[in-house]
Amino acid sequence: MNRQRLLRRLRQGHLANVRFDDLVDLANGFGLREQRVVGSHRIFAHPDHGERAISLQPRRGEAKPYQIRQLLAFVERYDLNLEAE
């Protein structure tokens, strides 16, 4: 899915039925990089912000709504811009 369109959809509150791979792509688009994998958990951090950003894990191939909210809050907190695809 197009990153801009997905972001617009998520900001409107449509957090259900989001493919996990699309959420990972969106996180990458904001500059978050996968630091490590612990089981099914993928830990992402931003190189300019040393703190651990978020932990994402799929549920039947979909993203969990509370983790989507965490990603959006992190993006807002640090005023991150979406990189070009």
C-alpha atoms as a PDB file:
ATOM      1  CA  MET A   1       0.000   0.000   0.000  1.00  0.00           C
ATOM      2  CA  ASN A   2       1.107   3.562  -0.650  1.00  0.00           C
ATOM      3  CA  ARG A   3       2.730   5.028   2.497  1.00  0.00           C
ATOM      4  CA  GLN A   4       0.952   8.383   2.250  1.00  0.00           C
ATOM      5  CA  ARG A   5      -2.436   6.764   1.785  1.00  0.00           C
ATOM      6  CA  LEU A   6      -1.836   4.341   4.667  1.00  0.00           C
ATOM      7  CA  LEU A   7      -0.736   7.178   6.957  1.00  0.00           C
ATOM      8  CA  ARG A   8      -3.819   9.219   6.053  1.00  0.00           C
ATOM      9  CA  ARG A   9      -6.026   6.201   6.779  1.00  0.00           C
ATOM     10  CA  LEU A  10      -4.379   5.549  10.150  1.00  0.00           C
ATOM     11  CA  ARG A  11      -4.577   9.193  11.222  1.00  0.00           C
ATOM     12  CA  GLN A  12      -8.320   9.061  10.510  1.00  0.00           C
ATOM     13  CA  GLY A  13      -8.567   6.274  13.085  1.00  0.00           C
ATOM     14  CA  HIS A  14      -8.944   3.273  10.791  1.00  0.00           C
ATOM     15  CA  LEU A  15      -6.642   0.942  12.736  1.00  0.00           C
ATOM     16  CA  ALA A  16      -8.228  -2.412  11.901  1.00  0.00           C
ATOM     17  CA  ASN A  17      -7.230  -4.648   9.006  1.00  0.00           C
ATOM     18  CA  VAL A  18      -3.745  -3.171   8.551  1.00  0.00           C
ATOM     19  CA  ARG A  19      -1.256  -5.608   7.090  1.00  0.00           C
ATOM     20  CA  PHE A  20       1.773  -6.026   9.352  1.00  0.00           C
ATOM     21  CA  ASP A  21       4.167  -5.712   6.407  1.00  0.00           C
ATOM     22  CA  ASP A  22       2.544  -2.378   5.473  1.00  0.00           C
ATOM     23  CA  LEU A  23       3.072  -1.068   9.008  1.00  0.00           C
ATOM     24  CA  VAL A  24       6.735  -2.154   8.937  1.00  0.00           C
ATOM     25  CA  ASP A  25       7.148  -0.370   5.598  1.00  0.00           C
ATOM     26  CA  LEU A  26       5.564   2.762   7.071  1.00  0.00           C
ATOM     27  CA  ALA A  27       7.914   2.627  10.078  1.00  0.00           C
ATOM     28  CA  ASN A  28      10.855   2.333   7.693  1.00  0.00           C
ATOM     29  CA  GLY A  29       9.482   5.290   5.762  1.00  0.00           C
ATOM     30  CA  PHE A  30       9.786   7.414   8.902  1.00  0.00           C
ATOM     31  CA  GLY A  31      13.418   6.384   9.305  1.00  0.00           C
ATOM     32  CA  LEU A  32      12.882   3.730  11.960  1.00  0.00           C
ATOM     33  CA  ARG A  33      15.240   0.815  11.558  1.00  0.00           C
ATOM     34  CA  GLU A  34      14.893  -2.699  12.867  1.00  0.00           C
ATOM     35  CA  GLN A  35      17.406  -3.129  15.673  1.00  0.00           C
ATOM     36  CA  ARG A  36      16.753  -6.738  16.568  1.00  0.00           C
ATOM     37  CA  VAL A  37      14.233  -9.546  16.564  1.00  0.00           C
ATOM     38  CA  VAL A  38      13.157 -11.323  19.739  1.00  0.00           C
ATOM     39  CA  GLY A  39      10.808 -14.154  18.844  1.00  0.00           C
ATOM     40  CA  SER A  40       8.008 -12.578  16.829  1.00  0.00           C
ATOM     41  CA  HIS A  41       8.801  -9.093  18.198  1.00  0.00           C
ATOM     42  CA  ARG A  42      10.638  -6.669  15.942  1.00  0.00           C
ATOM     43  CA  ILE A  43      12.299  -3.834  17.838  1.00  0.00           C
ATOM     44  CA  PHE A  44      12.586  -0.551  15.915  1.00  0.00           C
ATOM     45  CA  ALA A  45      14.521   2.606  16.763  1.00  0.00           C
ATOM     46  CA  HIS A  46      15.261   5.885  15.013  1.00  0.00           C
ATOM     47  CA  PRO A  47      18.963   6.717  14.507  1.00  0.00           C
ATOM     48  CA  ASP A  48      18.468  10.329  15.674  1.00  0.00           C
ATOM     49  CA  HIS A  49      16.549   9.348  18.812  1.00  0.00           C
ATOM     50  CA  GLY A  50      18.490   6.831  20.896  1.00  0.00           C
ATOM     51  CA  GLU A  51      15.573   5.570  22.926  1.00  0.00           C
ATOM     52  CA  ARG A  52      13.887   2.362  21.914  1.00  0.00           C
ATOM     53  CA  ALA A  53      11.057   3.380  19.669  1.00  0.00           C
ATOM     54  CA  ILE A  54       8.556   0.566  19.430  1.00  0.00           C
ATOM     55  CA  SER A  55       8.155  -3.167  19.437  1.00  0.00           C
ATOM     56  CA  LEU A  56       5.949  -4.565  16.691  1.00  0.00           C
ATOM     57  CA  GLN A  57       4.661  -8.084  16.278  1.00  0.00           C
ATOM     58  CA  PRO A  58       2.039  -9.474  13.927  1.00  0.00           C
ATOM     59  CA  ARG A  59      -1.219 -11.106  14.900  1.00  0.00           C
ATOM     60  CA  ARG A  60      -2.359 -13.385  12.097  1.00  0.00           C
ATOM     61  CA  GLY A  61      -0.504 -11.204   9.590  1.00  0.00           C
ATOM     62  CA  GLU A  62      -2.030  -7.943  10.801  1.00  0.00           C
ATOM     63  CA  ALA A  63      -0.726  -5.087  12.931  1.00  0.00           C
ATOM     64  CA  LYS A  64      -2.082  -4.604  16.429  1.00  0.00           C
ATOM     65  CA  PRO A  65      -4.058  -1.355  16.827  1.00  0.00           C
ATOM     66  CA  TYR A  66      -2.280  -0.293  20.025  1.00  0.00           C
ATOM     67  CA  GLN A  67       1.082  -0.646  18.279  1.00  0.00           C
ATOM     68  CA  ILE A  68      -0.158   1.489  15.391  1.00  0.00           C
ATOM     69  CA  ARG A  69      -1.080   4.164  17.941  1.00  0.00           C
ATOM     70  CA  GLN A  70       2.401   3.878  19.486  1.00  0.00           C
ATOM     71  CA  LEU A  71       4.026   4.408  16.096  1.00  0.00           C
ATOM     72  CA  LEU A  72       1.839   7.435  15.346  1.00  0.00           C
ATOM     73  CA  ALA A  73       2.606   8.921  18.785  1.00  0.00           C
ATOM     74  CA  PHE A  74       6.357   8.429  18.233  1.00  0.00           C
ATOM     75  CA  VAL A  75       6.135  10.110  14.832  1.00  0.00           C
ATOM     76  CA  GLU A  76       4.273  13.063  16.352  1.00  0.00           C
ATOM     77  CA  ARG A  77       6.547  13.332  19.388  1.00  0.00           C
ATOM     78  CA  TYR A  78       9.665  13.676  17.231  1.00  0.00           C
ATOM     79  CA  ASP A  79       7.979  15.449  14.295  1.00  0.00           C
ATOM     80  CA  LEU A  80       9.236  12.839  11.807  1.00  0.00           C
ATOM     81  CA  ASN A  81       8.626  13.231   8.094  1.00  0.00           C
ATOM     82  CA  LEU A  82       7.784  10.430   5.725  1.00  0.00           C
ATOM     83  CA  GLU A  83      10.615   9.671   3.313  1.00  0.00           C
ATOM     84  CA  ALA A  84       9.877   9.239  -0.389  1.00  0.00           C
ATOM     85  CA  GLU A  85       9.125   5.667  -1.440  1.00  0.00           C
END
